[in-house]
Amino acid sequence: MLRNTLIAVALSAVLSACTGGVALAGLSGPGPWFEFSWPYGNDTGGIIPYQPHIKPVEYRDMAASYCAHWGRLSHVTSVHARYGDYITFVCMDRRGVIH
């Protein structure tokens, strides 16, 4: 009887840990529950998913903070103001010099 109870407790602990891990993994990626979309890219530039509620100045700030990780400046190259499209940017070492 005690052995069956211990097995049931261990099994329920493992299942609840797995369920919590799956729920946490679902919330850690990009999605509609976050306030802003984050840039995707590398040290030469990237993209930001367009969202109508974000102002154009905020896109420039997001690109600047993203390129600052590599000690570079940013320049927004194109803005397609349609839902589902992207804002693209490049990271530069100096003004006018793109890698």
C-alpha atoms as a PDB file:
ATOM      1  CA  MET A   1       0.000   0.000   0.000  1.00  0.00           C
ATOM      2  CA  LEU A   2       2.770   2.463   0.904  1.00  0.00           C
ATOM      3  CA  ARG A   3       4.706   1.508  -2.215  1.00  0.00           C
ATOM      4  CA  ASN A   4       1.693   2.281  -4.463  1.00  0.00           C
ATOM      5  CA  THR A   5       1.239   5.652  -2.758  1.00  0.00           C
ATOM      6  CA  LEU A   6       4.903   6.584  -3.254  1.00  0.00           C
ATOM      7  CA  ILE A   7       4.756   5.595  -6.928  1.00  0.00           C
ATOM      8  CA  ALA A   8       1.605   7.683  -7.428  1.00  0.00           C
ATOM      9  CA  VAL A   9       3.194  10.714  -5.714  1.00  0.00           C
ATOM     10  CA  ALA A  10       6.391  10.385  -7.775  1.00  0.00           C
ATOM     11  CA  LEU A  11       4.435  10.010 -11.000  1.00  0.00           C
ATOM     12  CA  SER A  12       2.264  13.055 -10.271  1.00  0.00           C
ATOM     13  CA  ALA A  13       5.383  15.117  -9.431  1.00  0.00           C
ATOM     14  CA  VAL A  14       7.028  14.181 -12.729  1.00  0.00           C
ATOM     15  CA  LEU A  15       3.869  14.929 -14.729  1.00  0.00           C
ATOM     16  CA  SER A  16       3.345  18.308 -13.075  1.00  0.00           C
ATOM     17  CA  ALA A  17       6.994  19.264 -13.695  1.00  0.00           C
ATOM     18  CA  CYS A  18       6.673  18.314 -17.382  1.00  0.00           C
ATOM     19  CA  THR A  19       3.409  20.222 -17.750  1.00  0.00           C
ATOM     20  CA  GLY A  20       4.931  23.308 -16.122  1.00  0.00           C
ATOM     21  CA  GLY A  21       7.962  23.116 -18.395  1.00  0.00           C
ATOM     22  CA  VAL A  22       5.820  22.954 -21.520  1.00  0.00           C
ATOM     23  CA  ALA A  23       3.726  25.907 -20.353  1.00  0.00           C
ATOM     24  CA  LEU A  24       6.840  27.957 -19.575  1.00  0.00           C
ATOM     25  CA  ALA A  25       8.395  27.122 -22.952  1.00  0.00           C
ATOM     26  CA  GLY A  26       5.242  28.319 -24.690  1.00  0.00           C
ATOM     27  CA  LEU A  27       5.405  31.678 -22.926  1.00  0.00           C
ATOM     28  CA  SER A  28       9.113  32.296 -23.470  1.00  0.00           C
ATOM     29  CA  GLY A  29       8.958  32.776 -27.257  1.00  0.00           C
ATOM     30  CA  PRO A  30       7.566  35.726 -29.182  1.00  0.00           C
ATOM     31  CA  GLY A  31       3.832  36.037 -29.221  1.00  0.00           C
ATOM     32  CA  PRO A  32       0.861  38.359 -28.830  1.00  0.00           C
ATOM     33  CA  TRP A  33       1.172  38.437 -25.024  1.00  0.00           C
ATOM     34  CA  PHE A  34       4.340  40.548 -25.161  1.00  0.00           C
ATOM     35  CA  GLU A  35       4.144  44.317 -25.546  1.00  0.00           C
ATOM     36  CA  PHE A  36       6.746  44.590 -28.341  1.00  0.00           C
ATOM     37  CA  SER A  37       8.197  42.377 -31.023  1.00  0.00           C
ATOM     38  CA  TRP A  38      11.938  41.913 -30.707  1.00  0.00           C
ATOM     39  CA  PRO A  39      14.463  42.168 -33.541  1.00  0.00           C
ATOM     40  CA  TYR A  40      15.807  39.025 -35.189  1.00  0.00           C
ATOM     41  CA  GLY A  41      19.190  39.013 -36.911  1.00  0.00           C
ATOM     42  CA  ASN A  42      22.921  39.001 -36.357  1.00  0.00           C
ATOM     43  CA  ASP A  43      25.803  41.495 -36.086  1.00  0.00           C
ATOM     44  CA  THR A  44      25.241  42.861 -39.614  1.00  0.00           C
ATOM     45  CA  GLY A  45      21.543  43.715 -39.219  1.00  0.00           C
ATOM     46  CA  GLY A  46      18.116  42.203 -38.889  1.00  0.00           C
ATOM     47  CA  ILE A  47      14.352  42.538 -39.045  1.00  0.00           C
ATOM     48  CA  ILE A  48      11.588  43.650 -36.703  1.00  0.00           C
ATOM     49  CA  PRO A  49       8.020  42.407 -37.286  1.00  0.00           C
ATOM     50  CA  TYR A  50       5.718  45.358 -38.026  1.00  0.00           C
ATOM     51  CA  GLN A  51       2.966  46.084 -35.532  1.00  0.00           C
ATOM     52  CA  PRO A  52       0.604  49.049 -35.963  1.00  0.00           C
ATOM     53  CA  HIS A  53       0.665  50.095 -32.300  1.00  0.00           C
ATOM     54  CA  ILE A  54       4.449  50.709 -32.297  1.00  0.00           C
ATOM     55  CA  LYS A  55       5.577  54.205 -33.323  1.00  0.00           C
ATOM     56  CA  PRO A  56       8.311  54.643 -35.996  1.00  0.00           C
ATOM     57  CA  VAL A  57      10.651  56.211 -33.431  1.00  0.00           C
ATOM     58  CA  GLU A  58      10.416  53.078 -31.289  1.00  0.00           C
ATOM     59  CA  TYR A  59      11.547  50.934 -34.227  1.00  0.00           C
ATOM     60  CA  ARG A  60      14.688  53.065 -34.525  1.00  0.00           C
ATOM     61  CA  ASP A  61      15.299  52.718 -30.788  1.00  0.00           C
ATOM     62  CA  MET A  62      14.837  48.941 -30.967  1.00  0.00           C
ATOM     63  CA  ALA A  63      17.321  48.685 -33.860  1.00  0.00           C
ATOM     64  CA  ALA A  64      19.797  50.924 -32.029  1.00  0.00           C
ATOM     65  CA  SER A  65      19.661  48.849 -28.848  1.00  0.00           C
ATOM     66  CA  TYR A  66      20.008  45.639 -30.883  1.00  0.00           C
ATOM     67  CA  CYS A  67      23.123  46.858 -32.744  1.00  0.00           C
ATOM     68  CA  ALA A  68      24.594  48.254 -29.528  1.00  0.00           C
ATOM     69  CA  HIS A  69      25.184  44.663 -28.372  1.00  0.00           C
ATOM     70  CA  TRP A  70      28.040  44.564 -30.887  1.00  0.00           C
ATOM     71  CA  GLY A  71      29.141  48.170 -30.325  1.00  0.00           C
ATOM     72  CA  ARG A  72      27.719  49.339 -33.648  1.00  0.00           C
ATOM     73  CA  LEU A  73      25.393  52.012 -34.973  1.00  0.00           C
ATOM     74  CA  SER A  74      22.097  51.185 -36.653  1.00  0.00           C
ATOM     75  CA  HIS A  75      20.311  52.403 -39.765  1.00  0.00           C
ATOM     76  CA  VAL A  76      16.720  51.505 -40.662  1.00  0.00           C
ATOM     77  CA  THR A  77      16.715  50.612 -44.364  1.00  0.00           C
ATOM     78  CA  SER A  78      13.066  49.877 -45.144  1.00  0.00           C
ATOM     79  CA  VAL A  79       9.694  50.199 -43.484  1.00  0.00           C
ATOM     80  CA  HIS A  80       6.712  48.342 -44.900  1.00  0.00           C
ATOM     81  CA  ALA A  81       3.787  49.623 -42.872  1.00  0.00           C
ATOM     82  CA  ARG A  82       1.566  46.582 -43.412  1.00  0.00           C
ATOM     83  CA  TYR A  83       0.607  44.060 -40.795  1.00  0.00           C
ATOM     84  CA  GLY A  84       2.688  40.901 -41.241  1.00  0.00           C
ATOM     85  CA  ASP A  85       5.566  42.710 -42.953  1.00  0.00           C
ATOM     86  CA  TYR A  86       8.956  43.713 -41.547  1.00  0.00           C
ATOM     87  CA  ILE A  87      11.137  46.711 -40.764  1.00  0.00           C
ATOM     88  CA  THR A  88      14.726  45.974 -41.818  1.00  0.00           C
ATOM     89  CA  PHE A  89      17.886  47.547 -40.453  1.00  0.00           C
ATOM     90  CA  VAL A  90      21.656  47.241 -40.787  1.00  0.00           C
ATOM     91  CA  CYS A  91      24.380  47.550 -38.156  1.00  0.00           C
ATOM     92  CA  MET A  92      27.377  49.732 -39.077  1.00  0.00           C
ATOM     93  CA  ASP A  93      30.820  50.303 -37.541  1.00  0.00           C
ATOM     94  CA  ARG A  94      30.859  53.970 -38.583  1.00  0.00           C
ATOM     95  CA  ARG A  95      28.388  56.204 -40.373  1.00  0.00           C
ATOM     96  CA  GLY A  96      28.013  55.086 -43.981  1.00  0.00           C
ATOM     97  CA  VAL A  97      30.219  51.973 -43.599  1.00  0.00           C
ATOM     98  CA  ILE A  98      28.146  48.785 -43.700  1.00  0.00           C
ATOM     99  CA  HIS A  99      29.754  45.395 -43.111  1.00  0.00           C
END
